C-alpha atoms as a PDB file:
ATOM      1  CA  MET A   1      22.987 -40.443  78.710  1.00  0.00           C
ATOM      2  CA  ARG A   2      25.153 -43.054  76.980  1.00  0.00           C
ATOM      3  CA  PHE A   3      26.693 -45.963  78.887  1.00  0.00           C
ATOM      4  CA  ALA A   4      29.010 -48.818  77.895  1.00  0.00           C
ATOM      5  CA  ILE A   5      29.063 -52.200  79.672  1.00  0.00           C
ATOM      6  CA  ALA A   6      31.382 -55.102  78.861  1.00  0.00           C
ATOM      7  CA  ASP A   7      31.613 -58.822  79.615  1.00  0.00           C
ATOM      8  CA  ILE A   8      28.445 -59.567  81.577  1.00  0.00           C
ATOM      9  CA  HIS A   9      29.106 -63.323  81.237  1.00  0.00           C
ATOM     10  CA  GLY A  10      25.795 -64.696  82.451  1.00  0.00           C
ATOM     11  CA  CYS A  11      25.649 -62.529  85.584  1.00  0.00           C
ATOM     12  CA  CYS A  12      22.034 -61.480  85.115  1.00  0.00           C
ATOM     13  CA  LYS A  13      21.242 -60.338  88.672  1.00  0.00           C
ATOM     14  CA  THR A  14      24.357 -58.181  88.673  1.00  0.00           C
ATOM     15  CA  PHE A  15      23.476 -56.775  85.248  1.00  0.00           C
ATOM     16  CA  LYS A  16      19.980 -55.822  86.408  1.00  0.00           C
ATOM     17  CA  ALA A  17      21.384 -54.239  89.570  1.00  0.00           C
ATOM     18  CA  LEU A  18      23.800 -52.148  87.524  1.00  0.00           C
ATOM     19  CA  ILE A  19      20.988 -50.989  85.228  1.00  0.00           C
ATOM     20  CA  ASP A  20      19.016 -49.957  88.323  1.00  0.00           C
ATOM     21  CA  LYS A  21      22.046 -48.100  89.650  1.00  0.00           C
ATOM     22  CA  LEU A  22      22.310 -46.171  86.380  1.00  0.00           C
ATOM     23  CA  ASP A  23      18.653 -45.124  86.734  1.00  0.00           C
ATOM     24  CA  ILE A  24      18.178 -45.872  83.049  1.00  0.00           C
ATOM     25  CA  GLY A  25      15.386 -44.082  81.228  1.00  0.00           C
ATOM     26  CA  ALA A  26      13.838 -44.445  77.802  1.00  0.00           C
ATOM     27  CA  SER A  27      16.021 -41.663  76.386  1.00  0.00           C
ATOM     28  CA  ASP A  28      19.294 -43.338  77.469  1.00  0.00           C
ATOM     29  CA  THR A  29      21.446 -45.694  75.389  1.00  0.00           C
ATOM     30  CA  LEU A  30      23.315 -48.796  76.523  1.00  0.00           C
ATOM     31  CA  TYR A  31      26.239 -49.924  74.390  1.00  0.00           C
ATOM     32  CA  LEU A  32      27.064 -53.522  75.267  1.00  0.00           C
ATOM     33  CA  LEU A  33      30.527 -54.734  74.281  1.00  0.00           C
ATOM     34  CA  GLY A  34      30.002 -58.480  73.927  1.00  0.00           C
ATOM     35  CA  ASP A  35      30.372 -61.637  76.028  1.00  0.00           C
ATOM     36  CA  TYR A  36      26.851 -61.816  77.428  1.00  0.00           C
ATOM     37  CA  ILE A  37      27.009 -65.593  77.859  1.00  0.00           C
ATOM     38  CA  ASP A  38      29.128 -68.331  79.489  1.00  0.00           C
ATOM     39  CA  ARG A  39      30.681 -68.745  82.939  1.00  0.00           C
ATOM     40  CA  GLY A  40      27.969 -67.030  84.984  1.00  0.00           C
ATOM     41  CA  PRO A  41      24.741 -68.797  86.019  1.00  0.00           C
ATOM     42  CA  ASP A  42      22.122 -67.107  83.798  1.00  0.00           C
ATOM     43  CA  SER A  43      23.207 -66.440  80.212  1.00  0.00           C
ATOM     44  CA  LYS A  44      19.626 -66.806  79.027  1.00  0.00           C
ATOM     45  CA  GLY A  45      18.453 -64.177  81.497  1.00  0.00           C
ATOM     46  CA  VAL A  46      21.073 -61.700  80.281  1.00  0.00           C
ATOM     47  CA  LEU A  47      19.951 -62.129  76.675  1.00  0.00           C
ATOM     48  CA  ASP A  48      16.311 -61.827  77.733  1.00  0.00           C
ATOM     49  CA  VAL A  49      17.072 -58.423  79.267  1.00  0.00           C
ATOM     50  CA  ILE A  50      18.896 -57.310  76.121  1.00  0.00           C
ATOM     51  CA  MET A  51      16.028 -58.479  73.909  1.00  0.00           C
ATOM     52  CA  ARG A  52      13.472 -56.563  76.025  1.00  0.00           C
ATOM     53  CA  PRO A  53      15.485 -53.589  77.258  1.00  0.00           C
ATOM     54  CA  PRO A  54      14.422 -50.550  79.318  1.00  0.00           C
ATOM     55  CA  CYS A  55      16.021 -48.198  76.781  1.00  0.00           C
ATOM     56  CA  GLU A  56      17.826 -48.230  73.458  1.00  0.00           C
ATOM     57  CA  VAL A  57      20.426 -51.017  73.500  1.00  0.00           C
ATOM     58  CA  VAL A  58      23.209 -51.519  70.954  1.00  0.00           C
ATOM     59  CA  PRO A  59      24.861 -54.930  71.467  1.00  0.00           C
ATOM     60  CA  LEU A  60      28.197 -55.834  69.877  1.00  0.00           C
ATOM     61  CA  LEU A  61      29.507 -59.328  69.222  1.00  0.00           C
ATOM     62  CA  GLY A  62      32.019 -60.894  71.616  1.00  0.00           C
ATOM     63  CA  ASN A  63      34.262 -63.923  71.261  1.00  0.00           C
ATOM     64  CA  HIS A  64      32.001 -66.056  73.474  1.00  0.00           C
ATOM     65  CA  GLU A  65      29.039 -65.403  71.198  1.00  0.00           C
ATOM     66  CA  ASP A  66      31.358 -66.194  68.292  1.00  0.00           C
ATOM     67  CA  MET A  67      32.138 -69.590  69.851  1.00  0.00           C
ATOM     68  CA  TRP A  68      28.441 -70.297  70.324  1.00  0.00           C
ATOM     69  CA  LEU A  69      27.653 -69.411  66.708  1.00  0.00           C
ATOM     70  CA  ARG A  70      30.518 -71.528  65.366  1.00  0.00           C
ATOM     71  CA  ALA A  71      29.531 -74.506  67.508  1.00  0.00           C
ATOM     72  CA  TYR A  72      25.883 -74.331  66.475  1.00  0.00           C
ATOM     73  CA  SER A  73      24.807 -76.537  63.570  1.00  0.00           C
ATOM     74  CA  GLY A  74      21.153 -75.429  63.377  1.00  0.00           C
ATOM     75  CA  ASP A  75      17.776 -76.617  64.684  1.00  0.00           C
ATOM     76  CA  GLY A  76      19.034 -76.614  68.258  1.00  0.00           C
ATOM     77  CA  ASN A  77      21.937 -78.984  67.543  1.00  0.00           C
ATOM     78  CA  TYR A  78      25.685 -78.564  67.917  1.00  0.00           C
ATOM     79  CA  LYS A  79      28.774 -79.661  66.018  1.00  0.00           C
ATOM     80  CA  THR A  80      30.182 -81.667  68.902  1.00  0.00           C
ATOM     81  CA  ASP A  81      33.159 -82.861  66.831  1.00  0.00           C
ATOM     82  CA  ASP A  82      34.164 -79.303  65.914  1.00  0.00           C
ATOM     83  CA  PRO A  83      37.161 -77.795  67.754  1.00  0.00           C
ATOM     84  CA  TYR A  84      35.131 -74.666  68.468  1.00  0.00           C
ATOM     85  CA  PHE A  85      32.571 -76.728  70.374  1.00  0.00           C
ATOM     86  CA  ASN A  86      35.290 -78.131  72.635  1.00  0.00           C
ATOM     87  CA  THR A  87      36.816 -74.679  73.038  1.00  0.00           C
ATOM     88  CA  TRP A  88      33.427 -73.294  73.955  1.00  0.00           C
ATOM     89  CA  MET A  89      32.796 -76.060  76.505  1.00  0.00           C
ATOM     90  CA  ALA A  90      36.188 -75.383  78.090  1.00  0.00           C
ATOM     91  CA  ASN A  91      35.396 -71.673  78.411  1.00  0.00           C
ATOM     92  CA  GLY A  92      32.017 -71.583  80.078  1.00  0.00           C
ATOM     93  CA  GLY A  93      29.748 -73.041  77.412  1.00  0.00           C
ATOM     94  CA  ARG A  94      28.330 -75.668  79.749  1.00  0.00           C
ATOM     95  CA  ALA A  95      26.913 -72.936  81.974  1.00  0.00           C
ATOM     96  CA  THR A  96      25.184 -71.417  78.948  1.00  0.00           C
ATOM     97  CA  LEU A  97      23.664 -74.726  77.838  1.00  0.00           C
ATOM     98  CA  LYS A  98      22.451 -75.326  81.390  1.00  0.00           C
ATOM     99  CA  SER A  99      20.726 -71.934  81.491  1.00  0.00           C
ATOM    100  CA  PHE A 100      18.909 -72.754  78.232  1.00  0.00           C
ATOM    101  CA  GLU A 101      17.695 -76.226  79.238  1.00  0.00           C
ATOM    102  CA  GLY A 102      14.189 -76.726  77.869  1.00  0.00           C
ATOM    103  CA  THR A 103      14.332 -73.503  75.820  1.00  0.00           C
ATOM    104  CA  ASP A 104      14.390 -73.140  72.052  1.00  0.00           C
ATOM    105  CA  THR A 105      17.684 -71.359  71.414  1.00  0.00           C
ATOM    106  CA  ARG A 106      16.984 -70.551  67.783  1.00  0.00           C
ATOM    107  CA  PRO A 107      15.543 -67.036  68.388  1.00  0.00           C
ATOM    108  CA  TYR A 108      18.560 -66.203  70.542  1.00  0.00           C
ATOM    109  CA  ILE A 109      20.993 -67.478  67.902  1.00  0.00           C
ATOM    110  CA  GLU A 110      19.336 -65.381  65.216  1.00  0.00           C
ATOM    111  CA  PHE A 111      19.381 -62.348  67.506  1.00  0.00           C
ATOM    112  CA  ILE A 112      23.120 -62.754  68.117  1.00  0.00           C
ATOM    113  CA  ARG A 113      23.828 -63.173  64.406  1.00  0.00           C
ATOM    114  CA  SER A 114      22.668 -59.579  63.927  1.00  0.00           C
ATOM    115  CA  PHE A 115      25.335 -58.106  66.260  1.00  0.00           C
ATOM    116  CA  PRO A 116      28.103 -56.067  64.595  1.00  0.00           C
ATOM    117  CA  PRO A 117      31.736 -56.577  65.708  1.00  0.00           C
ATOM    118  CA  PHE A 118      32.368 -52.878  66.351  1.00  0.00           C
ATOM    119  CA  LEU A 119      30.704 -49.491  66.334  1.00  0.00           C
ATOM    120  CA  GLU A 120      32.067 -46.061  65.500  1.00  0.00           C
ATOM    121  CA  LEU A 121      30.502 -43.039  67.172  1.00  0.00           C
ATOM    122  CA  ASP A 122      31.418 -39.406  66.653  1.00  0.00           C
ATOM    123  CA  ASP A 123      33.596 -39.458  69.768  1.00  0.00           C
ATOM    124  CA  PHE A 124      34.459 -43.133  70.470  1.00  0.00           C
ATOM    125  CA  LEU A 125      35.162 -46.496  68.892  1.00  0.00           C
ATOM    126  CA  LEU A 126      33.474 -49.420  70.634  1.00  0.00           C
ATOM    127  CA  VAL A 127      34.697 -53.018  70.280  1.00  0.00           C
ATOM    128  CA  HIS A 128      34.864 -56.192  72.327  1.00  0.00           C
ATOM    129  CA  ALA A 129      38.618 -56.828  72.108  1.00  0.00           C
ATOM    130  CA  GLU A 130      40.823 -54.617  69.887  1.00  0.00           C
ATOM    131  CA  PHE A 131      41.713 -53.583  66.341  1.00  0.00           C
ATOM    132  CA  ASP A 132      44.571 -54.924  64.223  1.00  0.00           C
ATOM    133  CA  PHE A 133      46.142 -51.826  62.701  1.00  0.00           C
ATOM    134  CA  SER A 134      48.672 -53.926  60.782  1.00  0.00           C
ATOM    135  CA  LEU A 135      45.882 -54.715  58.313  1.00  0.00           C
ATOM    136  CA  PRO A 136      45.135 -52.507  55.292  1.00  0.00           C
ATOM    137  CA  ASP A 137      41.607 -52.083  56.669  1.00  0.00           C
ATOM    138  CA  PRO A 138      41.459 -52.881  60.396  1.00  0.00           C
ATOM    139  CA  PHE A 139      37.718 -52.177  60.359  1.00  0.00           C
ATOM    140  CA  GLY A 140      36.947 -54.556  57.480  1.00  0.00           C
ATOM    141  CA  GLN A 141      36.135 -58.253  57.387  1.00  0.00           C
ATOM    142  CA  GLU A 142      39.788 -59.228  57.802  1.00  0.00           C
ATOM    143  CA  GLY A 143      39.853 -57.374  61.085  1.00  0.00           C
ATOM    144  CA  VAL A 144      36.894 -59.141  62.703  1.00  0.00           C
ATOM    145  CA  GLU A 145      39.011 -61.888  64.300  1.00  0.00           C
ATOM    146  CA  ALA A 146      41.060 -59.278  66.178  1.00  0.00           C
ATOM    147  CA  MET A 147      37.931 -57.355  67.161  1.00  0.00           C
ATOM    148  CA  LEU A 148      36.608 -60.476  68.899  1.00  0.00           C
ATOM    149  CA  TRP A 149      39.703 -62.346  70.081  1.00  0.00           C
ATOM    150  CA  SER A 150      42.935 -60.350  70.072  1.00  0.00           C
ATOM    151  CA  ARG A 151      44.929 -59.146  73.069  1.00  0.00           C
ATOM    152  CA  GLY A 152      48.000 -56.987  73.466  1.00  0.00           C
ATOM    153  CA  ARG A 153      48.163 -55.110  70.158  1.00  0.00           C
ATOM    154  CA  PRO A 154      49.116 -51.425  70.278  1.00  0.00           C
ATOM    155  CA  TYR A 155      46.229 -49.060  69.695  1.00  0.00           C
ATOM    156  CA  ARG A 156      46.884 -46.608  66.871  1.00  0.00           C
ATOM    157  CA  GLY A 157      43.433 -45.149  66.370  1.00  0.00           C
ATOM    158  CA  LYS A 158      42.667 -41.453  66.532  1.00  0.00           C
ATOM    159  CA  LYS A 159      39.490 -41.832  68.571  1.00  0.00           C
ATOM    160  CA  PRO A 160      39.441 -43.262  72.103  1.00  0.00           C
ATOM    161  CA  VAL A 161      38.382 -46.909  72.083  1.00  0.00           C
ATOM    162  CA  ILE A 162      36.210 -48.528  74.743  1.00  0.00           C
ATOM    163  CA  CYS A 163      36.615 -52.288  75.032  1.00  0.00           C
ATOM    164  CA  GLY A 164      36.518 -55.333  77.294  1.00  0.00           C
ATOM    165  CA  HIS A 165      37.669 -58.934  76.706  1.00  0.00           C
ATOM    166  CA  SER A 166      40.763 -58.853  78.948  1.00  0.00           C
ATOM    167  CA  PRO A 167      39.718 -58.675  82.622  1.00  0.00           C
ATOM    168  CA  LEU A 168      41.765 -56.172  84.581  1.00  0.00           C
ATOM    169  CA  PRO A 169      41.922 -55.302  88.283  1.00  0.00           C
ATOM    170  CA  MET A 170      40.500 -51.955  89.315  1.00  0.00           C
ATOM    171  CA  GLU A 171      43.989 -50.524  89.919  1.00  0.00           C
ATOM    172  CA  GLN A 172      44.605 -50.841  86.170  1.00  0.00           C
ATOM    173  CA  ILE A 173      41.128 -49.883  84.984  1.00  0.00           C
ATOM    174  CA  LEU A 174      40.929 -46.566  86.855  1.00  0.00           C
ATOM    175  CA  PRO A 175      44.073 -44.949  85.382  1.00  0.00           C
ATOM    176  CA  GLY A 176      43.095 -46.362  81.996  1.00  0.00           C
ATOM    177  CA  LEU A 177      40.020 -44.134  81.985  1.00  0.00           C
ATOM    178  CA  LYS A 178      42.316 -41.188  81.196  1.00  0.00           C
ATOM    179  CA  THR A 179      43.900 -42.870  78.174  1.00  0.00           C
ATOM    180  CA  ASN A 180      42.719 -43.481  74.611  1.00  0.00           C
ATOM    181  CA  ARG A 181      42.145 -47.182  75.355  1.00  0.00           C
ATOM    182  CA  ILE A 182      39.494 -47.685  78.029  1.00  0.00           C
ATOM    183  CA  ASN A 183      39.072 -51.311  79.127  1.00  0.00           C
ATOM    184  CA  ILE A 184      36.028 -51.747  81.374  1.00  0.00           C
ATOM    185  CA  ASP A 185      36.210 -55.515  81.969  1.00  0.00           C
ATOM    186  CA  ASN A 186      36.753 -56.163  85.679  1.00  0.00           C
ATOM    187  CA  GLY A 187      35.972 -59.895  85.430  1.00  0.00           C
ATOM    188  CA  CYS A 188      32.488 -59.772  86.919  1.00  0.00           C
ATOM    189  CA  CYS A 189      32.004 -63.540  86.626  1.00  0.00           C
ATOM    190  CA  TYR A 190      35.097 -64.229  88.762  1.00  0.00           C
ATOM    191  CA  ALA A 191      33.408 -63.552  92.073  1.00  0.00           C
ATOM    192  CA  ASP A 192      36.157 -65.356  94.017  1.00  0.00           C
ATOM    193  CA  ARG A 193      39.043 -63.279  92.637  1.00  0.00           C
ATOM    194  CA  ILE A 194      40.061 -60.245  94.666  1.00  0.00           C
ATOM    195  CA  GLY A 195      39.905 -57.093  92.556  1.00  0.00           C
ATOM    196  CA  ARG A 196      38.065 -58.833  89.686  1.00  0.00           C
ATOM    197  CA  HIS A 197      34.422 -59.295  90.604  1.00  0.00           C
ATOM    198  CA  ASN A 198      32.575 -56.145  89.511  1.00  0.00           C
ATOM    199  CA  LEU A 199      30.421 -55.259  86.533  1.00  0.00           C
ATOM    200  CA  LEU A 200      31.237 -51.769  85.299  1.00  0.00           C
ATOM    201  CA  ALA A 201      29.414 -49.127  83.297  1.00  0.00           C
ATOM    202  CA  TYR A 202      31.267 -46.208  81.734  1.00  0.00           C
ATOM    203  CA  CYS A 203      29.371 -43.032  80.897  1.00  0.00           C
ATOM    204  CA  LEU A 204      30.454 -41.796  77.482  1.00  0.00           C
ATOM    205  CA  ASP A 205      29.112 -38.332  78.194  1.00  0.00           C
ATOM    206  CA  ASN A 206      30.884 -37.445  81.435  1.00  0.00           C
ATOM    207  CA  GLY A 207      33.506 -40.172  81.987  1.00  0.00           C
ATOM    208  CA  GLN A 208      31.951 -41.442  85.204  1.00  0.00           C
ATOM    209  CA  LEU A 209      32.479 -45.113  86.097  1.00  0.00           C
ATOM    210  CA  TYR A 210      29.698 -47.017  87.841  1.00  0.00           C
ATOM    211  CA  ILE A 211      30.597 -50.135  89.828  1.00  0.00           C
ATOM    212  CA  GLN A 212      28.312 -53.026  90.743  1.00  0.00           C
ATOM    213  CA  ARG A 213      29.779 -55.966  92.644  1.00  0.00           C
ATOM    214  CA  ASN A 214      28.815 -59.499  91.662  1.00  0.00           C
ATOM    215  CA  ILE A 215      25.610 -60.511  93.471  1.00  0.00           C
ATOM    216  CA  GLU A 216      24.939 -63.841  91.744  1.00  0.00           C
ATOM    217  CA  ASP A 217      23.822 -66.809  93.845  1.00  0.00           C
ATOM    218  CA  ALA A 218      26.466 -68.840  92.043  1.00  0.00           C
ATOM    219  CA  SER A 219      28.996 -67.993  89.352  1.00  0.00           C
ATOM    220  CA  PRO A 220      30.277 -71.265  87.850  1.00  0.00           C
ATOM    221  CA  ALA A 221      33.129 -69.559  86.008  1.00  0.00           C
ATOM    222  CA  GLY A 222      35.071 -72.777  85.658  1.00  0.00           C
ATOM    223  CA  GLN A 223      32.286 -74.615  83.863  1.00  0.00           C
END
């Protein structure tokens, strides 16, 4: 079976619980739609799971990984005077740095650099945010910024798109499953927000939605 999961945001215990709920086997595939880090308590743990998965895993790049890459200067150092570093710190980066204390981040950085911004399957398009169809080639290099960061653009693709990036309450996600734009970000890291505290998995083969509530010991989403 094929499953898509979006916006794990450092919620490693919840991520593992959802994988258990899916009863993942070696023949299954997990498509991960970006934002593995920041806000939640264990960004490192999430990446460790992705790097040593129980099945085939296809991870896409999210805007939070983009911030990390832009803030990184190499050899474990950061461009602290760069606006992207400050933006990253204001959007959960401190929680990521805390989870990596005492760990060489270079293998993780190189792993993330290999992530594509989108994926086209025979039956779906997968992306973190959305596509900019005002561009001559929305799937080219010019379109990467929208794939990682954009919100609110109309979707004009022929294939259904599965995405995350913009956390929605369940009352919006459920009817969206019957449209050609399926957002599966329920804001897992926001454990204190009613209606926005679950990690979701969408089965590409039968349309079933799997729901795992946040079970982290602490989710420092404001850090």
